[in-house]
Amino acid sequence: MLTSEQKILALISHLGIFVGFPILAPLLILLLSQDDIIKIQAKEALVFQLGLVILTFIGKIFIILLIGIPILIFVGIITVVCPIVAAVSFIKNGYYSYPITGELAKKL
């Protein structure tokens, strides 16, 4: 059973992108938390959000070739949808792993 502290910290990790702290929130929680469940979720959120930053940078570079526009639209959609899915899934199941970056987060 998850405690309310675990739920709040995981939600801050996943939803920090909506309040302007996409990398800082999960990084601070990862470094300061003693709970293994929270560290795993913060690491998942951090790797996912770093991936979004990288994809945004790539999209901005390729916008000159017009291929960057679909990349940026895709990044915008997953920036909104995936953290919400992660937060809801964590509250229901007690664990969530992002589809693409989850495996990378497990290896780190």
C-alpha atoms as a PDB file:
ATOM      1  CA  MET A   1       0.000   0.000   0.000  1.00  0.00           C
ATOM      2  CA  LEU A   2       1.333   3.396  -0.977  1.00  0.00           C
ATOM      3  CA  THR A   3       1.614   6.141   1.594  1.00  0.00           C
ATOM      4  CA  SER A   4       0.373   9.639   0.838  1.00  0.00           C
ATOM      5  CA  GLU A   5       3.988  10.886   0.851  1.00  0.00           C
ATOM      6  CA  GLN A   6       4.935   8.340  -1.817  1.00  0.00           C
ATOM      7  CA  LYS A   7       1.979   9.356  -3.961  1.00  0.00           C
ATOM      8  CA  ILE A   8       2.733  13.064  -3.655  1.00  0.00           C
ATOM      9  CA  LEU A   9       6.434  12.713  -4.455  1.00  0.00           C
ATOM     10  CA  ALA A  10       5.756  10.460  -7.446  1.00  0.00           C
ATOM     11  CA  LEU A  11       3.134  12.869  -8.743  1.00  0.00           C
ATOM     12  CA  ILE A  12       5.544  15.783  -8.400  1.00  0.00           C
ATOM     13  CA  SER A  13       8.149  13.779 -10.328  1.00  0.00           C
ATOM     14  CA  HIS A  14       5.807  12.916 -13.176  1.00  0.00           C
ATOM     15  CA  LEU A  15       3.792  16.138 -13.311  1.00  0.00           C
ATOM     16  CA  GLY A  16       6.617  18.593 -12.634  1.00  0.00           C
ATOM     17  CA  ILE A  17       6.684  19.340 -16.329  1.00  0.00           C
ATOM     18  CA  PHE A  18       3.342  21.176 -16.007  1.00  0.00           C
ATOM     19  CA  VAL A  19       4.596  23.605 -13.364  1.00  0.00           C
ATOM     20  CA  GLY A  20       7.830  24.518 -15.113  1.00  0.00           C
ATOM     21  CA  PHE A  21      10.269  22.100 -13.463  1.00  0.00           C
ATOM     22  CA  PRO A  22      10.569  19.258 -15.976  1.00  0.00           C
ATOM     23  CA  ILE A  23      14.056  18.092 -15.040  1.00  0.00           C
ATOM     24  CA  LEU A  24      14.611  19.775 -11.696  1.00  0.00           C
ATOM     25  CA  ALA A  25      11.642  18.225  -9.846  1.00  0.00           C
ATOM     26  CA  PRO A  26      12.462  14.540 -10.522  1.00  0.00           C
ATOM     27  CA  LEU A  27      16.198  15.184 -10.075  1.00  0.00           C
ATOM     28  CA  LEU A  28      15.721  16.705  -6.631  1.00  0.00           C
ATOM     29  CA  ILE A  29      13.352  13.947  -5.573  1.00  0.00           C
ATOM     30  CA  LEU A  30      15.784  11.313  -6.856  1.00  0.00           C
ATOM     31  CA  LEU A  31      18.664  12.823  -4.902  1.00  0.00           C
ATOM     32  CA  LEU A  32      16.797  13.610  -1.674  1.00  0.00           C
ATOM     33  CA  SER A  33      14.402  10.690  -1.278  1.00  0.00           C
ATOM     34  CA  GLN A  34      15.294   7.625   0.760  1.00  0.00           C
ATOM     35  CA  ASP A  35      12.383   5.526  -0.561  1.00  0.00           C
ATOM     36  CA  ASP A  36      13.268   3.047  -3.318  1.00  0.00           C
ATOM     37  CA  ILE A  37       9.823   3.230  -4.951  1.00  0.00           C
ATOM     38  CA  ILE A  38      10.063   7.005  -5.208  1.00  0.00           C
ATOM     39  CA  LYS A  39      13.628   6.845  -6.520  1.00  0.00           C
ATOM     40  CA  ILE A  40      12.558   4.467  -9.288  1.00  0.00           C
ATOM     41  CA  GLN A  41       9.647   6.708 -10.303  1.00  0.00           C
ATOM     42  CA  ALA A  42      11.794   9.846 -10.168  1.00  0.00           C
ATOM     43  CA  LYS A  43      14.423   8.162 -12.349  1.00  0.00           C
ATOM     44  CA  GLU A  44      11.739   7.103 -14.852  1.00  0.00           C
ATOM     45  CA  ALA A  45      10.367  10.657 -15.000  1.00  0.00           C
ATOM     46  CA  LEU A  46      13.837  12.198 -15.271  1.00  0.00           C
ATOM     47  CA  VAL A  47      14.926  10.003 -18.182  1.00  0.00           C
ATOM     48  CA  PHE A  48      11.607  10.560 -19.971  1.00  0.00           C
ATOM     49  CA  GLN A  49      11.782  14.317 -19.572  1.00  0.00           C
ATOM     50  CA  LEU A  50      15.425  14.423 -20.683  1.00  0.00           C
ATOM     51  CA  GLY A  51      14.320  12.508 -23.761  1.00  0.00           C
ATOM     52  CA  LEU A  52      11.674  15.146 -24.430  1.00  0.00           C
ATOM     53  CA  VAL A  53      14.264  17.906 -24.180  1.00  0.00           C
ATOM     54  CA  ILE A  54      16.509  16.078 -26.659  1.00  0.00           C
ATOM     55  CA  LEU A  55      13.614  15.486 -29.084  1.00  0.00           C
ATOM     56  CA  THR A  56      12.613  19.140 -28.858  1.00  0.00           C
ATOM     57  CA  PHE A  57      16.171  20.186 -29.660  1.00  0.00           C
ATOM     58  CA  ILE A  58      16.258  17.818 -32.653  1.00  0.00           C
ATOM     59  CA  GLY A  59      12.888  19.106 -33.836  1.00  0.00           C
ATOM     60  CA  LYS A  60      14.080  22.697 -33.655  1.00  0.00           C
ATOM     61  CA  ILE A  61      17.170  21.844 -35.681  1.00  0.00           C
ATOM     62  CA  PHE A  62      15.146  20.059 -38.371  1.00  0.00           C
ATOM     63  CA  ILE A  63      12.459  22.722 -38.556  1.00  0.00           C
ATOM     64  CA  ILE A  64      14.465  24.258 -41.400  1.00  0.00           C
ATOM     65  CA  LEU A  65      13.795  21.101 -43.439  1.00  0.00           C
ATOM     66  CA  LEU A  66      10.104  21.143 -42.409  1.00  0.00           C
ATOM     67  CA  ILE A  67      10.456  17.679 -40.876  1.00  0.00           C
ATOM     68  CA  GLY A  68      10.858  19.363 -37.503  1.00  0.00           C
ATOM     69  CA  ILE A  69       7.233  20.487 -37.441  1.00  0.00           C
ATOM     70  CA  PRO A  70       5.791  16.946 -37.107  1.00  0.00           C
ATOM     71  CA  ILE A  71       8.505  16.112 -34.580  1.00  0.00           C
ATOM     72  CA  LEU A  72       7.558  19.116 -32.444  1.00  0.00           C
ATOM     73  CA  ILE A  73       3.840  18.290 -32.718  1.00  0.00           C
ATOM     74  CA  PHE A  74       4.571  14.720 -31.618  1.00  0.00           C
ATOM     75  CA  VAL A  75       6.698  15.944 -28.702  1.00  0.00           C
ATOM     76  CA  GLY A  76       3.957  18.350 -27.670  1.00  0.00           C
ATOM     77  CA  ILE A  77       1.360  15.592 -27.580  1.00  0.00           C
ATOM     78  CA  ILE A  78       3.483  13.137 -25.606  1.00  0.00           C
ATOM     79  CA  THR A  79       4.570  15.928 -23.256  1.00  0.00           C
ATOM     80  CA  VAL A  80       0.960  16.320 -22.192  1.00  0.00           C
ATOM     81  CA  VAL A  81      -0.345  12.754 -22.400  1.00  0.00           C
ATOM     82  CA  CYS A  82       2.446  10.560 -21.012  1.00  0.00           C
ATOM     83  CA  PRO A  83       2.991  12.289 -17.637  1.00  0.00           C
ATOM     84  CA  ILE A  84      -0.753  12.232 -16.947  1.00  0.00           C
ATOM     85  CA  VAL A  85      -0.925   8.531 -17.830  1.00  0.00           C
ATOM     86  CA  ALA A  86       2.112   7.889 -15.625  1.00  0.00           C
ATOM     87  CA  ALA A  87       0.606   9.711 -12.647  1.00  0.00           C
ATOM     88  CA  VAL A  88      -2.767   7.976 -12.899  1.00  0.00           C
ATOM     89  CA  SER A  89      -1.191   4.570 -13.450  1.00  0.00           C
ATOM     90  CA  PHE A  90       1.134   5.013 -10.460  1.00  0.00           C
ATOM     91  CA  ILE A  91      -1.766   5.949  -8.199  1.00  0.00           C
ATOM     92  CA  LYS A  92      -3.743   2.876  -9.347  1.00  0.00           C
ATOM     93  CA  ASN A  93      -0.979   0.261  -9.601  1.00  0.00           C
ATOM     94  CA  GLY A  94       1.894   1.588  -7.505  1.00  0.00           C
ATOM     95  CA  TYR A  95       4.329   1.451 -10.432  1.00  0.00           C
ATOM     96  CA  TYR A  96       4.704   2.909 -13.913  1.00  0.00           C
ATOM     97  CA  SER A  97       7.361   2.597 -16.583  1.00  0.00           C
ATOM     98  CA  TYR A  98       7.385   4.848 -19.639  1.00  0.00           C
ATOM     99  CA  PRO A  99       7.136   2.911 -22.922  1.00  0.00           C
ATOM    100  CA  ILE A 100      10.376   3.923 -24.643  1.00  0.00           C
ATOM    101  CA  THR A 101      12.613   5.419 -21.977  1.00  0.00           C
ATOM    102  CA  GLY A 102      11.614   2.946 -19.255  1.00  0.00           C
ATOM    103  CA  GLU A 103      14.190   0.363 -20.314  1.00  0.00           C
ATOM    104  CA  LEU A 104      16.923   2.988 -20.360  1.00  0.00           C
ATOM    105  CA  ALA A 105      15.944   4.153 -16.881  1.00  0.00           C
ATOM    106  CA  LYS A 106      16.151   0.572 -15.570  1.00  0.00           C
ATOM    107  CA  LYS A 107      19.681   0.190 -16.938  1.00  0.00           C
ATOM    108  CA  LEU A 108      20.921   3.376 -15.264  1.00  0.00           C
END
